[in-house]
Amino acid sequence: DPARVARALALPALPPGWAETFA
């Protein structure tokens, strides 16, 4: 699933504090 691979590769590139967006 190309979309899943793209998501997995993008996760480590997110800046610190991205989780607060979902809090």
PDB file of N, CA and C in Angstrom:
ATOM      1  N   ASP A   1       0.859  -1.198   0.000  1.00  0.00           N
ATOM      2  CA  ASP A   1       0.000   0.000   0.000  1.00  0.00           C
ATOM      3  C   ASP A   1       0.891   1.242   0.000  1.00  0.00           C
ATOM      4  N   PRO A   2       1.049   1.907  -1.137  1.00  0.00           N
ATOM      5  CA  PRO A   2       1.955   3.071  -1.227  1.00  0.00           C
ATOM      6  C   PRO A   2       1.607   4.162  -0.226  1.00  0.00           C
ATOM      7  N   ALA A   3       0.320   4.368   0.037  1.00  0.00           N
ATOM      8  CA  ALA A   3      -0.065   5.430   0.969  1.00  0.00           C
ATOM      9  C   ALA A   3       0.454   5.109   2.371  1.00  0.00           C
ATOM     10  N   ARG A   4       0.386   3.831   2.743  1.00  0.00           N
ATOM     11  CA  ARG A   4       0.855   3.447   4.077  1.00  0.00           C
ATOM     12  C   ARG A   4       2.367   3.648   4.186  1.00  0.00           C
ATOM     13  N   VAL A   5       3.087   3.314   3.116  1.00  0.00           N
ATOM     14  CA  VAL A   5       4.545   3.496   3.131  1.00  0.00           C
ATOM     15  C   VAL A   5       4.877   4.975   3.255  1.00  0.00           C
ATOM     16  N   ALA A   6       4.149   5.813   2.510  1.00  0.00           N
ATOM     17  CA  ALA A   6       4.413   7.250   2.562  1.00  0.00           C
ATOM     18  C   ALA A   6       4.169   7.783   3.972  1.00  0.00           C
ATOM     19  N   ARG A   7       3.098   7.296   4.619  1.00  0.00           N
ATOM     20  CA  ARG A   7       2.813   7.751   5.982  1.00  0.00           C
ATOM     21  C   ARG A   7       3.926   7.322   6.922  1.00  0.00           C
ATOM     22  N   ALA A   8       4.385   6.079   6.794  1.00  0.00           N
ATOM     23  CA  ALA A   8       5.424   5.568   7.694  1.00  0.00           C
ATOM     24  C   ALA A   8       6.712   6.368   7.535  1.00  0.00           C
ATOM     25  N   LEU A   9       7.014   6.781   6.302  1.00  0.00           N
ATOM     26  CA  LEU A   9       8.240   7.547   6.079  1.00  0.00           C
ATOM     27  C   LEU A   9       8.086   8.976   6.582  1.00  0.00           C
ATOM     28  N   ALA A  10       6.877   9.502   6.560  1.00  0.00           N
ATOM     29  CA  ALA A  10       6.668  10.897   6.949  1.00  0.00           C
ATOM     30  C   ALA A  10       6.654  11.058   8.474  1.00  0.00           C
ATOM     31  N   LEU A  11       6.257  10.028   9.205  1.00  0.00           N
ATOM     32  CA  LEU A  11       6.130  10.163  10.653  1.00  0.00           C
ATOM     33  C   LEU A  11       7.420  10.639  11.325  1.00  0.00           C
ATOM     34  N   PRO A  12       8.582  10.032  11.044  1.00  0.00           N
ATOM     35  CA  PRO A  12       9.802  10.481  11.729  1.00  0.00           C
ATOM     36  C   PRO A  12      10.195  11.910  11.362  1.00  0.00           C
ATOM     37  N   ALA A  13       9.668  12.432  10.256  1.00  0.00           N
ATOM     38  CA  ALA A  13      10.066  13.769   9.816  1.00  0.00           C
ATOM     39  C   ALA A  13       9.250  14.862  10.500  1.00  0.00           C
ATOM     40  N   LEU A  14       8.206  14.484  11.232  1.00  0.00           N
ATOM     41  CA  LEU A  14       7.380  15.492  11.893  1.00  0.00           C
ATOM     42  C   LEU A  14       8.188  16.174  12.993  1.00  0.00           C
ATOM     43  N   PRO A  15       7.992  17.477  13.184  1.00  0.00           N
ATOM     44  CA  PRO A  15       8.752  18.209  14.196  1.00  0.00           C
ATOM     45  C   PRO A  15       8.281  17.849  15.604  1.00  0.00           C
ATOM     46  N   PRO A  16       9.134  18.057  16.606  1.00  0.00           N
ATOM     47  CA  PRO A  16       8.723  17.808  17.986  1.00  0.00           C
ATOM     48  C   PRO A  16       7.510  18.662  18.336  1.00  0.00           C
ATOM     49  N   GLY A  17       6.576  18.093  19.080  1.00  0.00           N
ATOM     50  CA  GLY A  17       5.396  18.845  19.484  1.00  0.00           C
ATOM     51  C   GLY A  17       4.226  18.651  18.537  1.00  0.00           C
ATOM     52  N   TRP A  18       4.394  17.810  17.489  1.00  0.00           N
ATOM     53  CA  TRP A  18       3.282  17.621  16.554  1.00  0.00           C
ATOM     54  C   TRP A  18       2.109  16.940  17.241  1.00  0.00           C
ATOM     55  N   ALA A  19       2.381  16.164  18.293  1.00  0.00           N
ATOM     56  CA  ALA A  19       1.309  15.434  18.970  1.00  0.00           C
ATOM     57  C   ALA A  19       0.328  16.395  19.635  1.00  0.00           C
ATOM     58  N   GLU A  20       0.801  17.583  20.019  1.00  0.00           N
ATOM     59  CA  GLU A  20      -0.101  18.536  20.679  1.00  0.00           C
ATOM     60  C   GLU A  20      -1.244  18.930  19.750  1.00  0.00           C
ATOM     61  N   THR A  21      -1.036  18.764  18.440  1.00  0.00           N
ATOM     62  CA  THR A  21      -2.088  19.114  17.487  1.00  0.00           C
ATOM     63  C   THR A  21      -3.316  18.241  17.709  1.00  0.00           C
ATOM     64  N   PHE A  22      -3.098  17.007  18.193  1.00  0.00           N
ATOM     65  CA  PHE A  22      -4.213  16.074  18.367  1.00  0.00           C
ATOM     66  C   PHE A  22      -4.710  16.059  19.807  1.00  0.00           C
ATOM     67  N   ALA A  23      -4.001  16.719  20.704  1.00  0.00           N
ATOM     68  CA  ALA A  23      -4.386  16.680  22.112  1.00  0.00           C
ATOM     69  C   ALA A  23      -5.666  17.479  22.354  1.00  0.00           C
TER      70      ALA A  23
END
